[in-house]
Amino acid sequence: MPDTATALRAEIKRNAPHPRSQGFPLELRSRIGLWALERQAHGTSWGRLASQLGISRSSARTWALHAEGQSTSEAKFLPVILRTEPLAVEPLESCVVHTPRGYRVSGLNIESLIALLRGLE
């Protein structure tokens, strides 16, 4: 019999660890993770899955990642390209600035704008 949200939710409730720091059984987390992956592949959001199961969104996603064999503890880095040459920036002739205090300044060159804003501090 395939797992349903209601059946899994009841099993989660039955297996709730005391104290909470002990965690749920690995077999249960794996079954829930695989079920969540299947439902998510059919368009159900992580938030909706978590709500159906009575667990947090992050638990549902983490259990699903572990069921796929992925680790959530590995850092996910993106490549960074360092440029040594300066970027070509065209000077501003004038700009409009709205300050957090509600001032609106327009028609000044950047040097005048900086001097004005420093004077308002």
PDB file of N, CA and C in Angstrom:
ATOM      1  N   MET A   1       0.842  -1.184   0.000  1.00  0.00           N
ATOM      2  CA  MET A   1       0.000   0.000   0.000  1.00  0.00           C
ATOM      3  C   MET A   1       0.880   1.237   0.000  1.00  0.00           C
ATOM      4  N   PRO A   2       0.686   2.162  -0.953  1.00  0.00           N
ATOM      5  CA  PRO A   2       1.526   3.348  -0.987  1.00  0.00           C
ATOM      6  C   PRO A   2       1.243   4.269   0.198  1.00  0.00           C
ATOM      7  N   ASP A   3       2.288   4.955   0.622  1.00  0.00           N
ATOM      8  CA  ASP A   3       2.135   5.882   1.737  1.00  0.00           C
ATOM      9  C   ASP A   3       1.274   7.065   1.318  1.00  0.00           C
ATOM     10  N   THR A   4       0.459   7.532   2.245  1.00  0.00           N
ATOM     11  CA  THR A   4      -0.327   8.738   2.030  1.00  0.00           C
ATOM     12  C   THR A   4       0.105   9.758   3.068  1.00  0.00           C
ATOM     13  N   ALA A   5      -0.253  11.006   2.835  1.00  0.00           N
ATOM     14  CA  ALA A   5       0.103  12.059   3.781  1.00  0.00           C
ATOM     15  C   ALA A   5      -0.488  11.761   5.152  1.00  0.00           C
ATOM     16  N   THR A   6      -1.724  11.287   5.179  1.00  0.00           N
ATOM     17  CA  THR A   6      -2.390  11.002   6.460  1.00  0.00           C
ATOM     18  C   THR A   6      -1.678   9.881   7.207  1.00  0.00           C
ATOM     19  N   ALA A   7      -1.317   8.819   6.483  1.00  0.00           N
ATOM     20  CA  ALA A   7      -0.629   7.693   7.116  1.00  0.00           C
ATOM     21  C   ALA A   7       0.752   8.102   7.608  1.00  0.00           C
ATOM     22  N   LEU A   8       1.471   8.867   6.810  1.00  0.00           N
ATOM     23  CA  LEU A   8       2.809   9.311   7.209  1.00  0.00           C
ATOM     24  C   LEU A   8       2.725  10.268   8.396  1.00  0.00           C
ATOM     25  N   ARG A   9       1.730  11.146   8.386  1.00  0.00           N
ATOM     26  CA  ARG A   9       1.559  12.091   9.498  1.00  0.00           C
ATOM     27  C   ARG A   9       1.307  11.327  10.799  1.00  0.00           C
ATOM     28  N   ALA A  10       0.468  10.291  10.736  1.00  0.00           N
ATOM     29  CA  ALA A  10       0.185   9.482  11.926  1.00  0.00           C
ATOM     30  C   ALA A  10       1.456   8.773  12.403  1.00  0.00           C
ATOM     31  N   GLU A  11       2.259   8.295  11.458  1.00  0.00           N
ATOM     32  CA  GLU A  11       3.500   7.609  11.821  1.00  0.00           C
ATOM     33  C   GLU A  11       4.501   8.586  12.437  1.00  0.00           C
ATOM     34  N   ILE A  12       4.527   9.793  11.920  1.00  0.00           N
ATOM     35  CA  ILE A  12       5.395  10.825  12.504  1.00  0.00           C
ATOM     36  C   ILE A  12       4.978  11.076  13.949  1.00  0.00           C
ATOM     37  N   LYS A  13       3.678  11.172  14.165  1.00  0.00           N
ATOM     38  CA  LYS A  13       3.177  11.432  15.523  1.00  0.00           C
ATOM     39  C   LYS A  13       3.522  10.268  16.458  1.00  0.00           C
ATOM     40  N   ARG A  14       3.365   9.037  15.981  1.00  0.00           N
ATOM     41  CA  ARG A  14       3.677   7.860  16.802  1.00  0.00           C
ATOM     42  C   ARG A  14       5.165   7.771  17.139  1.00  0.00           C
ATOM     43  N   ASN A  15       6.009   8.218  16.219  1.00  0.00           N
ATOM     44  CA  ASN A  15       7.460   8.078  16.393  1.00  0.00           C
ATOM     45  C   ASN A  15       8.138   9.364  16.853  1.00  0.00           C
ATOM     46  N   ALA A  16       7.356  10.315  17.337  1.00  0.00           N
ATOM     47  CA  ALA A  16       7.952  11.576  17.792  1.00  0.00           C
ATOM     48  C   ALA A  16       8.968  11.287  18.892  1.00  0.00           C
ATOM     49  N   PRO A  17      10.203  11.733  18.717  1.00  0.00           N
ATOM     50  CA  PRO A  17      11.248  11.431  19.693  1.00  0.00           C
ATOM     51  C   PRO A  17      11.084  12.237  20.982  1.00  0.00           C
ATOM     52  N   HIS A  18      11.410  11.585  22.084  1.00  0.00           N
ATOM     53  CA  HIS A  18      11.417  12.257  23.391  1.00  0.00           C
ATOM     54  C   HIS A  18      12.739  11.926  24.039  1.00  0.00           C
ATOM     55  N   PRO A  19      13.641  12.814  24.268  1.00  0.00           N
ATOM     56  CA  PRO A  19      13.573  14.233  23.904  1.00  0.00           C
ATOM     57  C   PRO A  19      13.711  14.440  22.397  1.00  0.00           C
ATOM     58  N   ARG A  20      13.296  15.626  21.958  1.00  0.00           N
ATOM     59  CA  ARG A  20      13.273  15.948  20.528  1.00  0.00           C
ATOM     60  C   ARG A  20      14.648  15.838  19.878  1.00  0.00           C
ATOM     61  N   SER A  21      15.689  16.050  20.659  1.00  0.00           N
ATOM     62  CA  SER A  21      17.042  16.051  20.092  1.00  0.00           C
ATOM     63  C   SER A  21      17.459  14.679  19.553  1.00  0.00           C
ATOM     64  N   GLN A  22      16.737  13.614  19.893  1.00  0.00           N
ATOM     65  CA  GLN A  22      17.095  12.282  19.406  1.00  0.00           C
ATOM     66  C   GLN A  22      16.733  12.091  17.931  1.00  0.00           C
ATOM     67  N   GLY A  23      15.773  12.816  17.424  1.00  0.00           N
ATOM     68  CA  GLY A  23      15.410  12.725  16.024  1.00  0.00           C
ATOM     69  C   GLY A  23      14.497  11.551  15.703  1.00  0.00           C
ATOM     70  N   PHE A  24      13.955  11.566  14.491  1.00  0.00           N
ATOM     71  CA  PHE A  24      13.064  10.506  14.013  1.00  0.00           C
ATOM     72  C   PHE A  24      13.895   9.350  13.464  1.00  0.00           C
ATOM     73  N   PRO A  25      13.326   8.154  13.430  1.00  0.00           N
ATOM     74  CA  PRO A  25      14.059   6.996  12.874  1.00  0.00           C
ATOM     75  C   PRO A  25      14.458   7.244  11.412  1.00  0.00           C
ATOM     76  N   LEU A  26      15.638   6.803  11.062  1.00  0.00           N
ATOM     77  CA  LEU A  26      16.171   7.000   9.715  1.00  0.00           C
ATOM     78  C   LEU A  26      15.254   6.396   8.654  1.00  0.00           C
ATOM     79  N   GLU A  27      14.716   5.206   8.903  1.00  0.00           N
ATOM     80  CA  GLU A  27      13.843   4.541   7.932  1.00  0.00           C
ATOM     81  C   GLU A  27      12.600   5.396   7.660  1.00  0.00           C
ATOM     82  N   LEU A  28      12.037   5.992   8.693  1.00  0.00           N
ATOM     83  CA  LEU A  28      10.855   6.845   8.526  1.00  0.00           C
ATOM     84  C   LEU A  28      11.215   8.105   7.745  1.00  0.00           C
ATOM     85  N   ARG A  29      12.329   8.725   8.095  1.00  0.00           N
ATOM     86  CA  ARG A  29      12.757   9.938   7.370  1.00  0.00           C
ATOM     87  C   ARG A  29      12.993   9.627   5.897  1.00  0.00           C
ATOM     88  N   SER A  30      13.577   8.459   5.606  1.00  0.00           N
ATOM     89  CA  SER A  30      13.828   8.079   4.211  1.00  0.00           C
ATOM     90  C   SER A  30      12.528   7.887   3.444  1.00  0.00           C
ATOM     91  N   ARG A  31      11.574   7.171   4.050  1.00  0.00           N
ATOM     92  CA  ARG A  31      10.279   6.963   3.382  1.00  0.00           C
ATOM     93  C   ARG A  31       9.561   8.281   3.137  1.00  0.00           C
ATOM     94  N   ILE A  32       9.589   9.153   4.141  1.00  0.00           N
ATOM     95  CA  ILE A  32       8.941  10.459   3.993  1.00  0.00           C
ATOM     96  C   ILE A  32       9.655  11.276   2.927  1.00  0.00           C
ATOM     97  N   GLY A  33      10.990  11.209   2.905  1.00  0.00           N
ATOM     98  CA  GLY A  33      11.761  11.946   1.906  1.00  0.00           C
ATOM     99  C   GLY A  33      11.432  11.503   0.494  1.00  0.00           C
ATOM    100  N   LEU A  34      11.361  10.200   0.286  1.00  0.00           N
ATOM    101  CA  LEU A  34      11.026   9.681  -1.052  1.00  0.00           C
ATOM    102  C   LEU A  34       9.603  10.059  -1.453  1.00  0.00           C
ATOM    103  N   TRP A  35       8.665   9.964  -0.506  1.00  0.00           N
ATOM    104  CA  TRP A  35       7.282  10.354  -0.779  1.00  0.00           C
ATOM    105  C   TRP A  35       7.222  11.837  -1.149  1.00  0.00           C
ATOM    106  N   ALA A  36       7.931  12.663  -0.377  1.00  0.00           N
ATOM    107  CA  ALA A  36       7.928  14.111  -0.628  1.00  0.00           C
ATOM    108  C   ALA A  36       8.532  14.435  -1.988  1.00  0.00           C
ATOM    109  N   LEU A  37       9.599  13.739  -2.366  1.00  0.00           N
ATOM    110  CA  LEU A  37      10.212  13.968  -3.680  1.00  0.00           C
ATOM    111  C   LEU A  37       9.237  13.654  -4.808  1.00  0.00           C
ATOM    112  N   GLU A  38       8.506  12.564  -4.649  1.00  0.00           N
ATOM    113  CA  GLU A  38       7.536  12.196  -5.680  1.00  0.00           C
ATOM    114  C   GLU A  38       6.426  13.241  -5.786  1.00  0.00           C
ATOM    115  N   ARG A  39       5.909  13.667  -4.651  1.00  0.00           N
ATOM    116  CA  ARG A  39       4.839  14.670  -4.647  1.00  0.00           C
ATOM    117  C   ARG A  39       5.367  16.014  -5.177  1.00  0.00           C
ATOM    118  N   GLN A  40       6.584  16.352  -4.807  1.00  0.00           N
ATOM    119  CA  GLN A  40       7.168  17.621  -5.248  1.00  0.00           C
ATOM    120  C   GLN A  40       7.375  17.599  -6.752  1.00  0.00           C
ATOM    121  N   ALA A  41       7.737  16.452  -7.301  1.00  0.00           N
ATOM    122  CA  ALA A  41       7.923  16.319  -8.751  1.00  0.00           C
ATOM    123  C   ALA A  41       6.608  16.522  -9.497  1.00  0.00           C
ATOM    124  N   HIS A  42       5.483  16.291  -8.825  1.00  0.00           N
ATOM    125  CA  HIS A  42       4.170  16.502  -9.430  1.00  0.00           C
ATOM    126  C   HIS A  42       3.638  17.910  -9.150  1.00  0.00           C
ATOM    127  N   GLY A  43       4.489  18.782  -8.606  1.00  0.00           N
ATOM    128  CA  GLY A  43       4.117  20.185  -8.457  1.00  0.00           C
ATOM    129  C   GLY A  43       3.690  20.633  -7.082  1.00  0.00           C
ATOM    130  N   THR A  44       3.688  19.752  -6.095  1.00  0.00           N
ATOM    131  CA  THR A  44       3.307  20.161  -4.742  1.00  0.00           C
ATOM    132  C   THR A  44       4.475  20.916  -4.114  1.00  0.00           C
ATOM    133  N   SER A  45       4.199  22.054  -3.517  1.00  0.00           N
ATOM    134  CA  SER A  45       5.269  22.873  -2.929  1.00  0.00           C
ATOM    135  C   SER A  45       5.778  22.237  -1.635  1.00  0.00           C
ATOM    136  N   TRP A  46       6.991  22.609  -1.245  1.00  0.00           N
ATOM    137  CA  TRP A  46       7.572  22.104   0.000  1.00  0.00           C
ATOM    138  C   TRP A  46       6.724  22.542   1.187  1.00  0.00           C
ATOM    139  N   GLY A  47       6.220  23.748   1.142  1.00  0.00           N
ATOM    140  CA  GLY A  47       5.378  24.239   2.233  1.00  0.00           C
ATOM    141  C   GLY A  47       4.104  23.422   2.377  1.00  0.00           C
ATOM    142  N   ARG A  48       3.476  23.094   1.252  1.00  0.00           N
ATOM    143  CA  ARG A  48       2.246  22.295   1.266  1.00  0.00           C
ATOM    144  C   ARG A  48       2.544  20.882   1.768  1.00  0.00           C
ATOM    145  N   LEU A  49       3.635  20.283   1.311  1.00  0.00           N
ATOM    146  CA  LEU A  49       4.020  18.950   1.780  1.00  0.00           C
ATOM    147  C   LEU A  49       4.244  18.950   3.288  1.00  0.00           C
ATOM    148  N   ALA A  50       4.965  19.935   3.765  1.00  0.00           N
ATOM    149  CA  ALA A  50       5.251  20.027   5.201  1.00  0.00           C
ATOM    150  C   ALA A  50       3.965  20.175   5.997  1.00  0.00           C
ATOM    151  N   SER A  51       3.053  20.979   5.495  1.00  0.00           N
ATOM    152  CA  SER A  51       1.772  21.176   6.164  1.00  0.00           C
ATOM    153  C   SER A  51       0.974  19.872   6.215  1.00  0.00           C
ATOM    154  N   GLN A  52       0.982  19.126   5.125  1.00  0.00           N
ATOM    155  CA  GLN A  52       0.263  17.848   5.085  1.00  0.00           C
ATOM    156  C   GLN A  52       0.844  16.854   6.088  1.00  0.00           C
ATOM    157  N   LEU A  53       2.159  16.904   6.279  1.00  0.00           N
ATOM    158  CA  LEU A  53       2.828  15.950   7.159  1.00  0.00           C
ATOM    159  C   LEU A  53       2.905  16.410   8.610  1.00  0.00           C
ATOM    160  N   GLY A  54       2.686  17.702   8.837  1.00  0.00           N
ATOM    161  CA  GLY A  54       2.784  18.233  10.194  1.00  0.00           C
ATOM    162  C   GLY A  54       4.213  18.434  10.646  1.00  0.00           C
ATOM    163  N   ILE A  55       5.117  18.671   9.696  1.00  0.00           N
ATOM    164  CA  ILE A  55       6.520  18.942  10.025  1.00  0.00           C
ATOM    165  C   ILE A  55       6.920  20.270   9.394  1.00  0.00           C
ATOM    166  N   SER A  56       8.110  20.742   9.718  1.00  0.00           N
ATOM    167  CA  SER A  56       8.566  22.014   9.144  1.00  0.00           C
ATOM    168  C   SER A  56       8.962  21.828   7.681  1.00  0.00           C
ATOM    169  N   ARG A  57       8.925  22.917   6.956  1.00  0.00           N
ATOM    170  CA  ARG A  57       9.325  22.908   5.542  1.00  0.00           C
ATOM    171  C   ARG A  57      10.776  22.451   5.419  1.00  0.00           C
ATOM    172  N   SER A  58      11.629  22.940   6.315  1.00  0.00           N
ATOM    173  CA  SER A  58      13.052  22.581   6.225  1.00  0.00           C
ATOM    174  C   SER A  58      13.268  21.092   6.509  1.00  0.00           C
ATOM    175  N   SER A  59      12.477  20.508   7.411  1.00  0.00           N
ATOM    176  CA  SER A  59      12.606  19.062   7.668  1.00  0.00           C
ATOM    177  C   SER A  59      12.193  18.265   6.435  1.00  0.00           C
ATOM    178  N   ALA A  60      11.086  18.654   5.819  1.00  0.00           N
ATOM    179  CA  ALA A  60      10.622  17.934   4.618  1.00  0.00           C
ATOM    180  C   ALA A  60      11.684  17.986   3.531  1.00  0.00           C
ATOM    181  N   ARG A  61      12.248  19.164   3.318  1.00  0.00           N
ATOM    182  CA  ARG A  61      13.257  19.324   2.266  1.00  0.00           C
ATOM    183  C   ARG A  61      14.540  18.570   2.614  1.00  0.00           C
ATOM    184  N   THR A  62      14.975  18.663   3.851  1.00  0.00           N
ATOM    185  CA  THR A  62      16.196  17.977   4.284  1.00  0.00           C
ATOM    186  C   THR A  62      16.043  16.463   4.164  1.00  0.00           C
ATOM    187  N   TRP A  63      14.914  15.922   4.604  1.00  0.00           N
ATOM    188  CA  TRP A  63      14.689  14.480   4.523  1.00  0.00           C
ATOM    189  C   TRP A  63      14.656  14.035   3.072  1.00  0.00           C
ATOM    190  N   ALA A  64      14.088  14.863   2.193  1.00  0.00           N
ATOM    191  CA  ALA A  64      14.042  14.528   0.766  1.00  0.00           C
ATOM    192  C   ALA A  64      15.453  14.535   0.167  1.00  0.00           C
ATOM    193  N   LEU A  65      16.253  15.517   0.527  1.00  0.00           N
ATOM    194  CA  LEU A  65      17.628  15.575   0.011  1.00  0.00           C
ATOM    195  C   LEU A  65      18.422  14.358   0.473  1.00  0.00           C
ATOM    196  N   HIS A  66      18.259  13.976   1.725  1.00  0.00           N
ATOM    197  CA  HIS A  66      18.963  12.803   2.241  1.00  0.00           C
ATOM    198  C   HIS A  66      18.481  11.532   1.545  1.00  0.00           C
ATOM    199  N   ALA A  67      17.180  11.455   1.250  1.00  0.00           N
ATOM    200  CA  ALA A  67      16.643  10.280   0.549  1.00  0.00           C
ATOM    201  C   ALA A  67      17.230  10.174  -0.859  1.00  0.00           C
ATOM    202  N   GLU A  68      17.562  11.325  -1.451  1.00  0.00           N
ATOM    203  CA  GLU A  68      18.196  11.348  -2.775  1.00  0.00           C
ATOM    204  C   GLU A  68      19.685  11.071  -2.703  1.00  0.00           C
ATOM    205  N   GLY A  69      20.222  11.046  -1.497  1.00  0.00           N
ATOM    206  CA  GLY A  69      21.654  10.819  -1.336  1.00  0.00           C
ATOM    207  C   GLY A  69      22.462  12.096  -1.317  1.00  0.00           C
ATOM    208  N   GLN A  70      21.795  13.225  -1.220  1.00  0.00           N
ATOM    209  CA  GLN A  70      22.504  14.501  -1.153  1.00  0.00           C
ATOM    210  C   GLN A  70      22.708  14.888   0.302  1.00  0.00           C
ATOM    211  N   SER A  71      23.728  15.665   0.541  1.00  0.00           N
ATOM    212  CA  SER A  71      24.007  16.153   1.886  1.00  0.00           C
ATOM    213  C   SER A  71      23.610  17.610   1.976  1.00  0.00           C
ATOM    214  N   THR A  72      22.987  17.973   3.077  1.00  0.00           N
ATOM    215  CA  THR A  72      22.626  19.376   3.277  1.00  0.00           C
ATOM    216  C   THR A  72      23.718  20.128   4.025  1.00  0.00           C
ATOM    217  N   SER A  73      24.718  19.406   4.536  1.00  0.00           N
ATOM    218  CA  SER A  73      25.765  20.067   5.299  1.00  0.00           C
ATOM    219  C   SER A  73      26.928  20.528   4.429  1.00  0.00           C
ATOM    220  N   GLU A  74      26.987  20.038   3.190  1.00  0.00           N
ATOM    221  CA  GLU A  74      28.072  20.457   2.313  1.00  0.00           C
ATOM    222  C   GLU A  74      27.827  21.888   1.858  1.00  0.00           C
ATOM    223  N   ALA A  75      28.882  22.679   1.884  1.00  0.00           N
ATOM    224  CA  ALA A  75      28.771  24.070   1.451  1.00  0.00           C
ATOM    225  C   ALA A  75      28.520  24.123  -0.053  1.00  0.00           C
ATOM    226  N   LYS A  76      27.657  25.004  -0.455  1.00  0.00           N
ATOM    227  CA  LYS A  76      27.347  25.174  -1.871  1.00  0.00           C
ATOM    228  C   LYS A  76      28.022  26.479  -2.333  1.00  0.00           C
ATOM    229  N   PHE A  77      29.166  26.344  -2.964  1.00  0.00           N
ATOM    230  CA  PHE A  77      29.907  27.505  -3.408  1.00  0.00           C
ATOM    231  C   PHE A  77      29.687  27.741  -4.895  1.00  0.00           C
ATOM    232  N   LEU A  78      29.668  28.987  -5.262  1.00  0.00           N
ATOM    233  CA  LEU A  78      29.601  29.369  -6.658  1.00  0.00           C
ATOM    234  C   LEU A  78      30.964  29.867  -7.083  1.00  0.00           C
ATOM    235  N   PRO A  79      31.341  29.682  -8.341  1.00  0.00           N
ATOM    236  CA  PRO A  79      32.648  30.177  -8.778  1.00  0.00           C
ATOM    237  C   PRO A  79      32.689  31.705  -8.757  1.00  0.00           C
ATOM    238  N   VAL A  80      33.848  32.219  -8.413  1.00  0.00           N
ATOM    239  CA  VAL A  80      34.054  33.663  -8.369  1.00  0.00           C
ATOM    240  C   VAL A  80      35.177  34.010  -9.328  1.00  0.00           C
ATOM    241  N   ILE A  81      34.949  34.994 -10.157  1.00  0.00           N
ATOM    242  CA  ILE A  81      35.972  35.451 -11.092  1.00  0.00           C
ATOM    243  C   ILE A  81      36.430  36.830 -10.642  1.00  0.00           C
ATOM    244  N   LEU A  82      37.711  36.937 -10.320  1.00  0.00           N
ATOM    245  CA  LEU A  82      38.262  38.215  -9.893  1.00  0.00           C
ATOM    246  C   LEU A  82      38.799  38.957 -11.109  1.00  0.00           C
ATOM    247  N   ARG A  83      38.422  40.204 -11.214  1.00  0.00           N
ATOM    248  CA  ARG A  83      38.889  41.019 -12.335  1.00  0.00           C
ATOM    249  C   ARG A  83      39.936  41.987 -11.826  1.00  0.00           C
ATOM    250  N   THR A  84      41.011  42.092 -12.559  1.00  0.00           N
ATOM    251  CA  THR A  84      42.071  43.007 -12.146  1.00  0.00           C
ATOM    252  C   THR A  84      41.936  44.366 -12.805  1.00  0.00           C
ATOM    253  N   GLU A  85      41.306  44.414 -13.963  1.00  0.00           N
ATOM    254  CA  GLU A  85      41.167  45.702 -14.640  1.00  0.00           C
ATOM    255  C   GLU A  85      39.941  46.444 -14.099  1.00  0.00           C
ATOM    256  N   PRO A  86      40.043  47.760 -13.998  1.00  0.00           N
ATOM    257  CA  PRO A  86      38.900  48.529 -13.489  1.00  0.00           C
ATOM    258  C   PRO A  86      37.735  48.505 -14.484  1.00  0.00           C
ATOM    259  N   LEU A  87      36.552  48.583 -13.961  1.00  0.00           N
ATOM    260  CA  LEU A  87      35.377  48.640 -14.814  1.00  0.00           C
ATOM    261  C   LEU A  87      35.264  50.022 -15.447  1.00  0.00           C
ATOM    262  N   ALA A  88      34.839  50.047 -16.674  1.00  0.00           N
ATOM    263  CA  ALA A  88      34.631  51.320 -17.348  1.00  0.00           C
ATOM    264  C   ALA A  88      33.287  51.881 -16.911  1.00  0.00           C
ATOM    265  N   VAL A  89      33.343  52.985 -16.178  1.00  0.00           N
ATOM    266  CA  VAL A  89      32.124  53.618 -15.693  1.00  0.00           C
ATOM    267  C   VAL A  89      32.081  55.038 -16.247  1.00  0.00           C
ATOM    268  N   GLU A  90      30.986  55.343 -16.890  1.00  0.00           N
ATOM    269  CA  GLU A  90      30.849  56.691 -17.416  1.00  0.00           C
ATOM    270  C   GLU A  90      30.445  57.628 -16.280  1.00  0.00           C
ATOM    271  N   PRO A  91      31.056  58.809 -16.227  1.00  0.00           N
ATOM    272  CA  PRO A  91      30.724  59.737 -15.145  1.00  0.00           C
ATOM    273  C   PRO A  91      29.284  60.221 -15.257  1.00  0.00           C
ATOM    274  N   LEU A  92      28.675  60.412 -14.098  1.00  0.00           N
ATOM    275  CA  LEU A  92      27.316  60.928 -14.059  1.00  0.00           C
ATOM    276  C   LEU A  92      27.345  62.440 -14.222  1.00  0.00           C
ATOM    277  N   GLU A  93      26.516  62.938 -15.084  1.00  0.00           N
ATOM    278  CA  GLU A  93      26.426  64.388 -15.212  1.00  0.00           C
ATOM    279  C   GLU A  93      25.490  64.934 -14.156  1.00  0.00           C
ATOM    280  N   SER A  94      24.401  64.238 -13.924  1.00  0.00           N
ATOM    281  CA  SER A  94      23.497  64.600 -12.832  1.00  0.00           C
ATOM    282  C   SER A  94      22.697  63.367 -12.467  1.00  0.00           C
ATOM    283  N   CYS A  95      22.162  63.372 -11.272  1.00  0.00           N
ATOM    284  CA  CYS A  95      21.380  62.241 -10.816  1.00  0.00           C
ATOM    285  C   CYS A  95      20.292  62.729  -9.871  1.00  0.00           C
ATOM    286  N   VAL A  96      19.373  61.848  -9.558  1.00  0.00           N
ATOM    287  CA  VAL A  96      18.311  62.148  -8.607  1.00  0.00           C
ATOM    288  C   VAL A  96      18.469  61.175  -7.454  1.00  0.00           C
ATOM    289  N   VAL A  97      18.477  61.709  -6.228  1.00  0.00           N
ATOM    290  CA  VAL A  97      18.654  60.881  -5.047  1.00  0.00           C
ATOM    291  C   VAL A  97      17.510  61.163  -4.076  1.00  0.00           C
ATOM    292  N   HIS A  98      16.951  60.088  -3.524  1.00  0.00           N
ATOM    293  CA  HIS A  98      15.957  60.192  -2.462  1.00  0.00           C
ATOM    294  C   HIS A  98      16.615  59.641  -1.204  1.00  0.00           C
ATOM    295  N   THR A  99      16.766  60.456  -0.187  1.00  0.00           N
ATOM    296  CA  THR A  99      17.437  60.019   1.036  1.00  0.00           C
ATOM    297  C   THR A  99      16.446  59.353   1.979  1.00  0.00           C
ATOM    298  N   PRO A 100      16.942  58.576   2.935  1.00  0.00           N
ATOM    299  CA  PRO A 100      16.053  57.939   3.913  1.00  0.00           C
ATOM    300  C   PRO A 100      15.256  58.951   4.736  1.00  0.00           C
ATOM    301  N   ARG A 101      15.768  60.165   4.866  1.00  0.00           N
ATOM    302  CA  ARG A 101      15.055  61.192   5.628  1.00  0.00           C
ATOM    303  C   ARG A 101      14.018  61.936   4.787  1.00  0.00           C
ATOM    304  N   GLY A 102      13.904  61.559   3.515  1.00  0.00           N
ATOM    305  CA  GLY A 102      12.873  62.154   2.683  1.00  0.00           C
ATOM    306  C   GLY A 102      13.341  63.281   1.779  1.00  0.00           C
ATOM    307  N   TYR A 103      14.623  63.589   1.774  1.00  0.00           N
ATOM    308  CA  TYR A 103      15.122  64.625   0.880  1.00  0.00           C
ATOM    309  C   TYR A 103      15.155  64.088  -0.544  1.00  0.00           C
ATOM    310  N   ARG A 104      14.832  64.958  -1.498  1.00  0.00           N
ATOM    311  CA  ARG A 104      14.958  64.610  -2.915  1.00  0.00           C
ATOM    312  C   ARG A 104      15.893  65.634  -3.526  1.00  0.00           C
ATOM    313  N   VAL A 105      16.981  65.147  -4.073  1.00  0.00           N
ATOM    314  CA  VAL A 105      17.994  66.032  -4.647  1.00  0.00           C
ATOM    315  C   VAL A 105      18.154  65.674  -6.117  1.00  0.00           C
ATOM    316  N   SER A 106      18.107  66.693  -6.979  1.00  0.00           N
ATOM    317  CA  SER A 106      18.305  66.437  -8.409  1.00  0.00           C
ATOM    318  C   SER A 106      19.059  67.599  -9.039  1.00  0.00           C
ATOM    319  N   GLY A 107      19.659  67.335 -10.184  1.00  0.00           N
ATOM    320  CA  GLY A 107      20.324  68.379 -10.955  1.00  0.00           C
ATOM    321  C   GLY A 107      21.736  68.711 -10.528  1.00  0.00           C
ATOM    322  N   LEU A 108      22.298  67.999  -9.560  1.00  0.00           N
ATOM    323  CA  LEU A 108      23.659  68.277  -9.122  1.00  0.00           C
ATOM    324  C   LEU A 108      24.609  67.246  -9.709  1.00  0.00           C
ATOM    325  N   ASN A 109      25.857  67.658  -9.920  1.00  0.00           N
ATOM    326  CA  ASN A 109      26.850  66.654 -10.303  1.00  0.00           C
ATOM    327  C   ASN A 109      27.220  65.865  -9.051  1.00  0.00           C
ATOM    328  N   ILE A 110      27.958  64.795  -9.220  1.00  0.00           N
ATOM    329  CA  ILE A 110      28.217  63.881  -8.107  1.00  0.00           C
ATOM    330  C   ILE A 110      29.007  64.540  -6.978  1.00  0.00           C
ATOM    331  N   GLU A 111      29.972  65.387  -7.308  1.00  0.00           N
ATOM    332  CA  GLU A 111      30.764  66.044  -6.269  1.00  0.00           C
ATOM    333  C   GLU A 111      29.889  66.974  -5.427  1.00  0.00           C
ATOM    334  N   SER A 112      29.007  67.731  -6.076  1.00  0.00           N
ATOM    335  CA  SER A 112      28.117  68.636  -5.354  1.00  0.00           C
ATOM    336  C   SER A 112      27.119  67.861  -4.507  1.00  0.00           C
ATOM    337  N   LEU A 113      26.649  66.739  -5.036  1.00  0.00           N
ATOM    338  CA  LEU A 113      25.692  65.910  -4.309  1.00  0.00           C
ATOM    339  C   LEU A 113      26.331  65.355  -3.045  1.00  0.00           C
ATOM    340  N   ILE A 114      27.567  64.883  -3.152  1.00  0.00           N
ATOM    341  CA  ILE A 114      28.283  64.351  -1.980  1.00  0.00           C
ATOM    342  C   ILE A 114      28.462  65.435  -0.931  1.00  0.00           C
ATOM    343  N   ALA A 115      28.865  66.617  -1.363  1.00  0.00           N
ATOM    344  CA  ALA A 115      29.063  67.727  -0.414  1.00  0.00           C
ATOM    345  C   ALA A 115      27.732  68.076   0.267  1.00  0.00           C
ATOM    346  N   LEU A 116      26.654  68.111  -0.477  1.00  0.00           N
ATOM    347  CA  LEU A 116      25.356  68.444   0.101  1.00  0.00           C
ATOM    348  C   LEU A 116      24.934  67.391   1.114  1.00  0.00           C
ATOM    349  N   LEU A 117      25.025  66.129   0.749  1.00  0.00           N
ATOM    350  CA  LEU A 117      24.605  65.072   1.655  1.00  0.00           C
ATOM    351  C   LEU A 117      25.450  65.020   2.927  1.00  0.00           C
ATOM    352  N   ARG A 118      26.742  65.288   2.799  1.00  0.00           N
ATOM    353  CA  ARG A 118      27.594  65.343   4.006  1.00  0.00           C
ATOM    354  C   ARG A 118      27.193  66.520   4.891  1.00  0.00           C
ATOM    355  N   GLY A 119      26.766  67.604   4.280  1.00  0.00           N
ATOM    356  CA  GLY A 119      26.317  68.763   5.054  1.00  0.00           C
ATOM    357  C   GLY A 119      25.007  68.509   5.774  1.00  0.00           C
ATOM    358  N   LEU A 120      24.199  67.577   5.294  1.00  0.00           N
ATOM    359  CA  LEU A 120      22.918  67.273   5.936  1.00  0.00           C
ATOM    360  C   LEU A 120      23.060  66.341   7.132  1.00  0.00           C
ATOM    361  N   GLU A 121      24.220  65.700   7.275  1.00  0.00           N
ATOM    362  CA  GLU A 121      24.402  64.716   8.365  1.00  0.00           C
ATOM    363  C   GLU A 121      24.280  65.338   9.710  1.00  0.00           C
TER     364      GLU A 121
END
